[in-house]
Amino acid sequence: MNPWGVQASTVKSYRSRLKHFQAFCRKTDIEELEDLQPSHIDQFHNFLRANPRFGSRSSVKSCLATFRKFLRYCERRGVFESGFHKLVILPTLSESDAVDETILSHEDAEEILAHLAKFEPFTKEHVVWALLAETGIRQSTLYAFDLDDYDTEERYIAAVDREETGTRLKNGKAGERELSISPEAAEVLDGYIQANRKNVTDEHDRDPLLTTRNGRLQKSTIRQYVYGWSRPCAIGKACPVEKDPDTCEAAETNNAAYDCPASVSPHPIRRGYITYLRANGVPTADVISKRCDANPGTIEKWYDLSTKSERRESRRSHLEDI
């Protein structure tokens, strides 16, 4: 926790969203906060809507909500008159708008894994994709794994909340669990540990599972691995928007991989995994909820993007098996 009483990840998220306001100020030549006028509020809203990185109205709303809070803070500091933040009108979302439908299908994840197994075996990238695609864990859980959390004999890896040393699980102690993994994923982990893992500790003298020369593999690098390998051209597939990989900046540099319209962040992998389990009749309350650390209602609303027909057939096969 920090002096503001919120999680460090929340502060980081706010900073990331406010970067869009900084970009808007540069574009409109606003050099001082005092120069911000009511007319700029609507212009900023339109600026966000025109940004191709915002794939949904919910993303725009989240950014505006953070901007609104920032203006309230500025009011308390005397920069603006009281009530200035109320000029920021948050868009109303329908139920369909509120659901982020970005997803990487389980089949696409398996295709990426097959490519990594052939061309980048036992690398950090291979481990990141193997664990995200097979367990549906959050990025923060992957970041938190220590070497001793992995049991090669029993083939499982434990998610452990260690907030006091910098790796809090999203739901704290309630999110602790043991995650079984397949023989294939265990082989990836074993190969990485034997051949490529750096024998280093982090700043808390812990032994991270995923390491660099300087310690624990950072979340930003995990995201970069996911964005990079989810580009279709990275595994030899055609570009969905017909760009030339030899001249496309998103294809040429990993730092720009997120600009590829087909690349994804880690969360769509989780969404694709949960959708895959639901489509194959895996019980939500007893298995998916506990494995993925999400309550059944949340899974139903935010994660399962299977169609009504797919859900019907899943229920049919489950009942016929019984």
Protein backbone atom coordinates (compact mmCIF):
# COMPACT_ATOMS: atom_id res chain seq x y z
CA MET A 1 0.00 0.00 0.00
CA ASN A 2 1.07 3.62 -0.49
CA PRO A 3 0.36 6.92 1.32
CA TRP A 4 -2.91 7.34 -0.62
CA GLY A 5 -4.33 4.11 0.77
CA VAL A 6 -4.72 2.36 -2.59
CA GLN A 7 -2.84 -0.46 -4.30
CA ALA A 8 0.29 0.40 -6.26
CA SER A 9 -1.34 -1.16 -9.33
CA THR A 10 -4.19 1.40 -9.03
CA VAL A 11 -1.75 4.30 -8.98
CA LYS A 12 0.02 2.85 -12.00
CA SER A 13 -3.29 2.47 -13.83
CA TYR A 14 -4.22 6.10 -13.11
CA ARG A 15 -0.86 7.31 -14.39
CA SER A 16 -1.26 5.26 -17.55
CA ARG A 17 -4.71 6.71 -18.26
CA LEU A 18 -3.60 10.28 -17.57
CA LYS A 19 -0.88 9.93 -20.20
CA HIS A 20 -3.69 10.36 -22.73
CA PHE A 21 -4.52 13.72 -21.17
CA GLN A 22 -0.85 14.69 -21.43
CA ALA A 23 -0.91 13.75 -25.13
CA PHE A 24 -4.06 15.85 -25.60
CA CYS A 25 -2.39 18.83 -23.92
CA ARG A 26 0.61 18.55 -26.22
CA LYS A 27 -1.64 18.38 -29.27
CA THR A 28 -3.70 21.41 -28.24
CA ASP A 29 -0.73 23.43 -26.92
CA ILE A 30 -1.97 23.48 -23.32
CA GLU A 31 1.15 24.21 -21.29
CA GLU A 32 -0.35 24.95 -17.87
CA LEU A 33 -3.30 23.34 -16.10
CA GLU A 34 -4.76 26.81 -15.54
CA ASP A 35 -5.14 27.06 -19.33
CA LEU A 36 -7.68 24.25 -19.38
CA GLN A 37 -11.10 25.58 -20.40
CA PRO A 38 -14.57 23.96 -20.31
CA SER A 39 -14.47 23.62 -24.10
CA HIS A 40 -11.40 21.42 -23.77
CA ILE A 41 -13.38 18.81 -21.85
CA ASP A 42 -15.50 17.81 -24.86
CA GLN A 43 -12.44 18.04 -27.09
CA PHE A 44 -10.63 15.57 -24.84
CA HIS A 45 -13.60 13.18 -24.97
CA ASN A 46 -13.51 13.30 -28.78
CA PHE A 47 -9.73 12.87 -28.70
CA LEU A 48 -10.15 9.62 -26.76
CA ARG A 49 -12.90 8.32 -29.03
CA ALA A 50 -10.69 8.92 -32.07
CA ASN A 51 -7.80 6.98 -30.55
CA PRO A 52 -7.60 3.52 -32.22
CA ARG A 53 -6.16 2.04 -29.01
CA PHE A 54 -9.55 2.42 -27.34
CA GLY A 55 -11.50 -0.54 -28.58
CA SER A 56 -14.66 0.08 -26.59
CA ARG A 57 -16.79 2.76 -24.94
CA SER A 58 -15.94 1.21 -21.59
CA SER A 59 -12.25 2.04 -22.15
CA VAL A 60 -13.12 5.66 -22.90
CA LYS A 61 -15.31 5.81 -19.80
CA SER A 62 -12.53 4.43 -17.59
CA CYS A 63 -10.11 7.05 -18.89
CA LEU A 64 -12.61 9.88 -18.40
CA ALA A 65 -13.44 8.67 -14.89
CA THR A 66 -9.76 8.88 -13.96
CA PHE A 67 -9.53 12.32 -15.57
CA ARG A 68 -12.55 13.43 -13.52
CA LYS A 69 -10.87 12.30 -10.29
CA PHE A 70 -7.72 14.14 -11.30
CA LEU A 71 -9.70 17.37 -11.77
CA ARG A 72 -11.28 16.94 -8.33
CA TYR A 73 -7.80 16.61 -6.87
CA CYS A 74 -6.80 19.80 -8.70
CA GLU A 75 -9.83 21.57 -7.22
CA ARG A 76 -8.66 20.66 -3.72
CA ARG A 77 -5.25 22.12 -4.61
CA GLY A 78 -6.86 25.37 -5.76
CA VAL A 79 -6.07 24.95 -9.45
CA PHE A 80 -9.73 25.02 -10.53
CA GLU A 81 -12.91 26.31 -8.94
CA SER A 82 -14.98 23.80 -7.00
CA GLY A 83 -17.23 21.76 -9.27
CA PHE A 84 -15.07 22.03 -12.40
CA HIS A 85 -14.77 18.23 -12.52
CA LYS A 86 -18.53 17.92 -13.04
CA LEU A 87 -18.04 19.16 -16.60
CA VAL A 88 -16.68 15.71 -17.40
CA ILE A 89 -19.76 13.71 -18.40
CA LEU A 90 -19.17 9.98 -18.31
CA PRO A 91 -20.79 8.04 -21.18
CA THR A 92 -23.62 5.70 -20.27
CA LEU A 93 -22.85 2.11 -21.17
CA SER A 94 -25.28 -0.54 -22.27
CA GLU A 95 -24.63 -4.05 -20.98
CA SER A 96 -22.97 -4.94 -24.27
CA ASP A 97 -20.77 -1.82 -24.11
CA ALA A 98 -19.65 -2.69 -20.61
CA VAL A 99 -18.31 -6.08 -21.65
CA ASP A 100 -14.86 -6.05 -23.16
CA GLU A 101 -15.05 -8.67 -25.88
CA THR A 102 -11.33 -8.79 -26.65
CA ILE A 103 -10.42 -12.45 -26.53
CA LEU A 104 -7.68 -14.78 -27.67
CA SER A 105 -9.26 -18.13 -28.38
CA HIS A 106 -7.84 -21.23 -26.78
CA GLU A 107 -7.10 -22.56 -30.26
CA ASP A 108 -5.06 -19.46 -31.15
CA ALA A 109 -3.16 -19.72 -27.87
CA GLU A 110 -2.35 -23.36 -28.62
CA GLU A 111 -1.08 -22.37 -32.07
CA ILE A 112 1.25 -19.78 -30.52
CA LEU A 113 2.45 -22.34 -27.98
CA ALA A 114 3.20 -24.84 -30.74
CA HIS A 115 5.29 -22.21 -32.53
CA LEU A 116 7.21 -21.37 -29.34
CA ALA A 117 7.81 -25.04 -28.62
CA LYS A 118 9.39 -25.40 -32.05
CA PHE A 119 11.34 -22.16 -32.37
CA GLU A 120 11.77 -20.76 -28.82
CA PRO A 121 11.69 -23.83 -26.56
CA PHE A 122 12.18 -23.45 -22.80
CA THR A 123 12.54 -19.66 -22.98
CA LYS A 124 10.85 -17.18 -20.65
CA GLU A 125 8.40 -16.40 -23.44
CA HIS A 126 7.55 -20.08 -23.72
CA VAL A 127 6.91 -20.35 -19.97
CA VAL A 128 4.80 -17.17 -19.89
CA TRP A 129 2.55 -18.43 -22.66
CA ALA A 130 2.37 -21.99 -21.32
CA LEU A 131 1.20 -20.87 -17.87
CA LEU A 132 -1.20 -18.14 -19.03
CA ALA A 133 -2.80 -20.34 -21.69
CA GLU A 134 -3.13 -23.45 -19.52
CA THR A 135 -4.25 -21.99 -16.19
CA GLY A 136 -6.13 -18.78 -17.00
CA ILE A 137 -4.22 -16.95 -14.28
CA ARG A 138 -3.91 -13.20 -14.07
CA GLN A 139 -0.67 -11.50 -15.02
CA SER A 140 -0.16 -10.53 -11.36
CA THR A 141 -0.32 -14.20 -10.34
CA LEU A 142 2.29 -15.17 -12.91
CA TYR A 143 4.51 -12.34 -11.69
CA ALA A 144 4.18 -13.60 -8.10
CA PHE A 145 5.40 -17.17 -8.66
CA ASP A 146 8.57 -18.21 -6.83
CA LEU A 147 10.72 -21.18 -7.80
CA ASP A 148 9.60 -23.15 -4.74
CA ASP A 149 5.94 -22.69 -5.70
CA TYR A 150 6.44 -25.21 -8.50
CA ASP A 151 6.31 -28.92 -7.65
CA THR A 152 7.66 -30.92 -10.57
CA GLU A 153 6.79 -34.30 -9.03
CA GLU A 154 3.13 -33.53 -8.32
CA ARG A 155 2.84 -31.29 -11.39
CA TYR A 156 1.30 -28.20 -9.83
CA ILE A 157 2.20 -24.61 -9.10
CA ALA A 158 0.96 -22.71 -6.04
CA ALA A 159 -0.40 -19.18 -6.12
CA VAL A 160 0.65 -17.60 -2.82
CA ASP A 161 -0.17 -14.12 -1.55
CA ARG A 162 2.98 -12.37 -0.33
CA GLU A 163 1.86 -8.76 -0.12
CA GLU A 164 4.50 -7.93 2.48
CA THR A 165 7.24 -8.67 -0.05
CA GLY A 166 5.73 -7.08 -3.11
CA THR A 167 3.53 -9.72 -4.77
CA ARG A 168 -0.07 -9.43 -3.68
CA LEU A 169 -2.63 -11.63 -5.41
CA LYS A 170 -5.68 -9.72 -6.63
CA ASN A 171 -7.92 -11.26 -3.96
CA GLY A 172 -5.22 -11.55 -1.30
CA LYS A 173 -5.15 -14.69 0.82
CA ALA A 174 -8.52 -15.73 -0.62
CA GLY A 175 -6.83 -16.11 -4.01
CA GLU A 176 -4.30 -18.68 -2.82
CA ARG A 177 -4.62 -22.06 -4.52
CA GLU A 178 -2.70 -24.92 -6.14
CA LEU A 179 -2.93 -25.14 -9.92
CA SER A 180 -2.40 -28.48 -11.60
CA ILE A 181 -0.60 -28.36 -14.94
CA SER A 182 -0.27 -30.80 -17.81
CA PRO A 183 2.81 -32.93 -18.51
CA GLU A 184 3.53 -30.68 -21.51
CA ALA A 185 3.51 -27.51 -19.40
CA ALA A 186 5.62 -29.20 -16.74
CA GLU A 187 8.15 -30.13 -19.44
CA VAL A 188 8.34 -26.48 -20.48
CA LEU A 189 8.92 -25.38 -16.88
CA ASP A 190 11.50 -28.10 -16.21
CA GLY A 191 13.40 -27.26 -19.39
CA TYR A 192 13.41 -23.55 -18.59
CA ILE A 193 14.59 -24.08 -15.01
CA GLN A 194 17.38 -26.41 -16.09
CA ALA A 195 18.61 -24.48 -19.11
CA ASN A 196 17.62 -20.83 -19.01
CA ARG A 197 16.59 -19.62 -15.56
CA LYS A 198 19.03 -17.17 -13.98
CA ASN A 199 19.88 -18.17 -10.41
CA VAL A 200 19.19 -14.78 -8.84
CA THR A 201 17.08 -13.37 -6.01
CA ASP A 202 14.82 -10.33 -6.01
CA GLU A 203 15.00 -7.30 -3.71
CA HIS A 204 13.23 -9.28 -0.97
CA ASP A 205 15.72 -12.18 -1.16
CA ARG A 206 13.11 -14.41 -2.76
CA ASP A 207 13.80 -16.81 -5.63
CA PRO A 208 11.46 -15.82 -8.49
CA LEU A 209 10.35 -18.47 -10.94
CA LEU A 210 10.82 -16.16 -13.91
CA THR A 211 14.05 -14.21 -13.73
CA THR A 212 16.29 -11.75 -15.51
CA ARG A 213 19.91 -10.96 -14.67
CA ASN A 214 18.60 -8.33 -12.26
CA GLY A 215 15.90 -10.33 -10.46
CA ARG A 216 12.18 -10.96 -11.03
CA LEU A 217 10.76 -10.68 -14.54
CA GLN A 218 8.69 -7.50 -14.57
CA LYS A 219 5.00 -7.24 -15.50
CA SER A 220 5.80 -4.87 -18.35
CA THR A 221 8.03 -7.53 -19.91
CA ILE A 222 5.32 -10.17 -19.47
CA ARG A 223 2.92 -7.90 -21.36
CA GLN A 224 5.52 -7.33 -24.05
CA TYR A 225 5.91 -11.10 -24.54
CA VAL A 226 2.15 -11.45 -24.92
CA TYR A 227 1.72 -8.53 -27.28
CA GLY A 228 4.72 -9.66 -29.32
CA TRP A 229 3.76 -13.28 -29.85
CA SER A 230 0.06 -12.61 -30.39
CA ARG A 231 0.88 -10.70 -33.58
CA PRO A 232 -0.12 -13.09 -36.39
CA CYS A 233 3.04 -12.29 -38.36
CA ALA A 234 5.20 -13.36 -35.40
CA ILE A 235 4.24 -16.97 -36.01
CA GLY A 236 4.19 -16.78 -39.79
CA LYS A 237 0.51 -16.01 -40.34
CA ALA A 238 -0.85 -13.38 -42.72
CA CYS A 239 -1.48 -9.86 -41.47
CA PRO A 240 -5.23 -9.31 -40.90
CA VAL A 241 -4.96 -5.71 -42.13
CA GLU A 242 -2.65 -6.60 -45.04
CA LYS A 243 0.43 -4.70 -43.89
CA ASP A 244 3.94 -5.65 -44.95
CA PRO A 245 5.85 -7.00 -41.90
CA ASP A 246 9.07 -5.61 -43.40
CA THR A 247 7.78 -2.04 -43.19
CA CYS A 248 5.21 -2.25 -40.37
CA GLU A 249 6.60 -0.70 -37.17
CA ALA A 250 4.36 -2.90 -35.00
CA ALA A 251 5.89 -5.95 -36.64
CA GLU A 252 9.47 -4.74 -36.63
CA THR A 253 9.85 -3.75 -32.96
CA ASN A 254 8.56 -5.47 -29.84
CA ASN A 255 8.14 -2.12 -28.11
CA ALA A 256 5.46 -1.22 -30.66
CA ALA A 257 3.81 -4.65 -30.75
CA TYR A 258 0.70 -3.35 -28.97
CA ASP A 259 0.00 -1.15 -32.01
CA CYS A 260 -0.82 -4.27 -34.01
CA PRO A 261 -4.64 -4.46 -34.15
CA ALA A 262 -4.51 -8.24 -33.74
CA SER A 263 -2.18 -8.34 -30.73
CA VAL A 264 -3.59 -8.73 -27.23
CA SER A 265 -2.63 -8.11 -23.62
CA PRO A 266 -2.55 -11.00 -21.09
CA HIS A 267 -6.18 -10.65 -20.00
CA PRO A 268 -7.78 -11.85 -23.29
CA ILE A 269 -5.82 -15.10 -22.85
CA ARG A 270 -7.58 -15.58 -19.50
CA ARG A 271 -10.92 -14.76 -21.12
CA GLY A 272 -10.30 -17.27 -23.91
CA TYR A 273 -9.31 -19.98 -21.44
CA ILE A 274 -12.43 -19.52 -19.31
CA THR A 275 -14.64 -19.46 -22.40
CA TYR A 276 -13.01 -22.69 -23.58
CA LEU A 277 -13.66 -24.42 -20.24
CA ARG A 278 -17.28 -23.30 -20.16
CA ALA A 279 -17.84 -24.39 -23.77
CA ASN A 280 -16.58 -27.85 -22.84
CA GLY A 281 -18.92 -28.29 -19.91
CA VAL A 282 -16.46 -27.73 -17.06
CA PRO A 283 -18.50 -26.80 -13.95
CA THR A 284 -18.22 -23.10 -13.20
CA ALA A 285 -18.75 -23.04 -9.45
CA ASP A 286 -16.77 -26.12 -8.49
CA VAL A 287 -13.86 -25.94 -10.94
CA ILE A 288 -13.48 -22.77 -13.03
CA SER A 289 -14.24 -20.35 -10.21
CA LYS A 290 -11.69 -21.92 -7.88
CA ARG A 291 -9.01 -22.48 -10.52
CA CYS A 292 -9.25 -18.97 -11.95
CA ASP A 293 -10.03 -17.13 -8.70
CA ALA A 294 -13.23 -15.49 -9.91
CA ASN A 295 -16.76 -15.86 -8.58
CA PRO A 296 -19.34 -17.54 -10.85
CA GLY A 297 -21.32 -14.34 -11.39
CA THR A 298 -18.23 -12.50 -12.58
CA ILE A 299 -17.36 -15.35 -14.93
CA GLU A 300 -20.87 -15.35 -16.36
CA LYS A 301 -20.89 -11.60 -17.04
CA TRP A 302 -17.33 -10.67 -17.93
CA TYR A 303 -15.43 -13.71 -19.11
CA ASP A 304 -17.57 -16.26 -20.93
CA LEU A 305 -17.99 -15.06 -24.53
CA SER A 306 -19.38 -18.30 -25.90
CA THR A 307 -22.66 -18.08 -27.81
CA LYS A 308 -26.04 -19.21 -26.53
CA SER A 309 -25.89 -22.16 -28.92
CA GLU A 310 -22.47 -23.21 -27.61
CA ARG A 311 -23.74 -23.03 -24.03
CA ARG A 312 -26.82 -25.07 -24.94
CA GLU A 313 -24.73 -27.81 -26.54
CA SER A 314 -22.36 -27.77 -23.58
CA ARG A 315 -25.26 -28.33 -21.18
CA ARG A 316 -26.63 -31.04 -23.44
CA SER A 317 -23.37 -33.02 -23.55
CA HIS A 318 -22.88 -32.63 -19.80
CA LEU A 319 -26.39 -33.92 -19.06
CA GLU A 320 -26.12 -36.77 -21.56
CA ASP A 321 -22.86 -37.88 -19.94
CA ILE A 322 -24.66 -38.07 -16.62
